[in-house]
Amino acid sequence: MDPFNVIIKKDNKQIDLNIHPQEGGSFMVIYHGALIGEVFQGTAGWEAVTADELQPGGFPVYEYDETSGHEDILLDAALIASVGQAINKELGQ
């Protein structure tokens, strides 16, 4: 499956994320060219592994910079659920 884009909301702001499907059904989450983490459907819903716990595979690990104008994104439960819902919607599930 080819990479695709999703839009989620965080603090009433739209955030564009690039989703890279992986073998085994997981999805790498990329923000402004940098890896945030990987999400997958677990036994209790959507779960995630942070970029620090992964081997980035060619992507730099996302680090927040106040001067960049980008959002401070952390893979917390709310963000994981939002990304999972957006992926399900994109896949027609």
Protein backbone atom coordinates (compact mmCIF):
# COMPACT_ATOMS: atom_id res chain seq x y z
CA MET A 1 0.00 0.00 0.00
CA ASP A 2 1.26 3.47 -0.84
CA PRO A 3 1.77 6.20 1.78
CA PHE A 4 -1.17 8.54 2.29
CA ASN A 5 -1.99 11.74 4.16
CA VAL A 6 -4.47 12.24 6.98
CA ILE A 7 -5.58 15.35 8.82
CA ILE A 8 -6.23 15.27 12.54
CA LYS A 9 -7.13 17.99 15.03
CA LYS A 10 -5.08 18.81 18.10
CA ASP A 11 -5.98 21.76 20.31
CA ASN A 12 -8.43 22.94 17.60
CA LYS A 13 -5.62 23.05 15.00
CA GLN A 14 -5.47 20.88 11.90
CA ILE A 15 -2.32 18.77 11.60
CA ASP A 16 -1.34 17.05 8.36
CA LEU A 17 0.39 13.71 8.87
CA ASN A 18 1.93 11.37 6.33
CA ILE A 19 1.14 7.71 6.98
CA HIS A 20 3.46 4.97 5.69
CA PRO A 21 1.90 1.49 5.83
CA GLN A 22 4.30 -1.25 6.93
CA GLU A 23 4.27 -5.00 6.49
CA GLY A 24 2.36 -6.59 9.33
CA GLY A 25 -0.36 -3.92 9.45
CA SER A 26 1.40 -1.12 11.32
CA PHE A 27 1.73 2.48 10.12
CA MET A 28 4.67 4.87 10.49
CA VAL A 29 3.50 8.39 11.33
CA ILE A 30 5.53 11.19 9.72
CA TYR A 31 5.20 14.91 10.50
CA HIS A 32 7.15 17.45 8.42
CA GLY A 33 9.50 14.73 7.18
CA ALA A 34 10.33 13.35 10.61
CA LEU A 35 9.18 10.18 12.36
CA ILE A 36 6.80 10.57 15.31
CA GLY A 37 6.23 6.87 15.85
CA GLU A 38 4.39 3.83 14.61
CA VAL A 39 0.75 2.96 15.30
CA PHE A 40 -0.95 -0.41 15.05
CA GLN A 41 -4.23 -2.07 15.92
CA GLY A 42 -3.72 -3.84 19.25
CA THR A 43 -6.03 -6.01 21.31
CA ALA A 44 -7.49 -2.97 23.08
CA GLY A 45 -7.65 -0.63 20.08
CA TRP A 46 -4.97 1.53 18.52
CA GLU A 47 -1.55 1.44 20.18
CA ALA A 48 1.78 3.08 19.40
CA VAL A 49 5.53 2.84 19.68
CA THR A 50 7.41 6.13 19.89
CA ALA A 51 10.09 7.11 17.39
CA ASP A 52 12.71 6.81 20.13
CA GLU A 53 11.82 3.12 20.52
CA LEU A 54 12.03 2.41 16.77
CA GLN A 55 14.77 2.25 14.22
CA PRO A 56 13.72 5.24 12.08
CA GLY A 57 14.46 3.55 8.75
CA GLY A 58 15.70 6.62 6.90
CA PHE A 59 13.55 9.19 8.68
CA PRO A 60 14.92 11.61 11.27
CA VAL A 61 13.19 11.43 14.65
CA TYR A 62 10.80 14.36 15.17
CA GLU A 63 12.02 16.86 17.75
CA TYR A 64 9.94 19.88 18.64
CA ASP A 65 11.50 23.28 17.94
CA GLU A 66 9.62 26.35 19.17
CA THR A 67 10.94 28.43 16.26
CA SER A 68 9.81 26.00 13.54
CA GLY A 69 6.13 26.91 13.55
CA HIS A 70 5.32 23.18 13.79
CA GLU A 71 3.20 21.62 16.51
CA ASP A 72 4.60 19.91 19.58
CA ILE A 73 3.36 16.39 18.88
CA LEU A 74 3.61 13.56 21.35
CA LEU A 75 2.05 10.13 20.90
CA ASP A 76 -0.37 10.34 23.80
CA ALA A 77 -3.61 8.33 24.01
CA ALA A 78 -5.74 11.06 22.40
CA LEU A 79 -3.38 11.51 19.45
CA ILE A 80 -3.07 7.75 18.94
CA ALA A 81 -6.88 7.43 18.85
CA SER A 82 -7.18 10.35 16.40
CA VAL A 83 -4.55 8.91 14.06
CA GLY A 84 -6.18 5.47 14.26
CA GLN A 85 -9.60 6.90 13.41
CA ALA A 86 -8.13 8.83 10.47
CA ILE A 87 -6.40 5.68 9.18
CA ASN A 88 -9.62 3.66 9.51
CA LYS A 89 -11.49 6.34 7.59
CA GLU A 90 -8.84 6.41 4.84
CA LEU A 91 -8.98 2.61 4.55
CA GLY A 92 -12.78 2.62 4.51
CA GLN A 93 -13.14 0.77 7.81
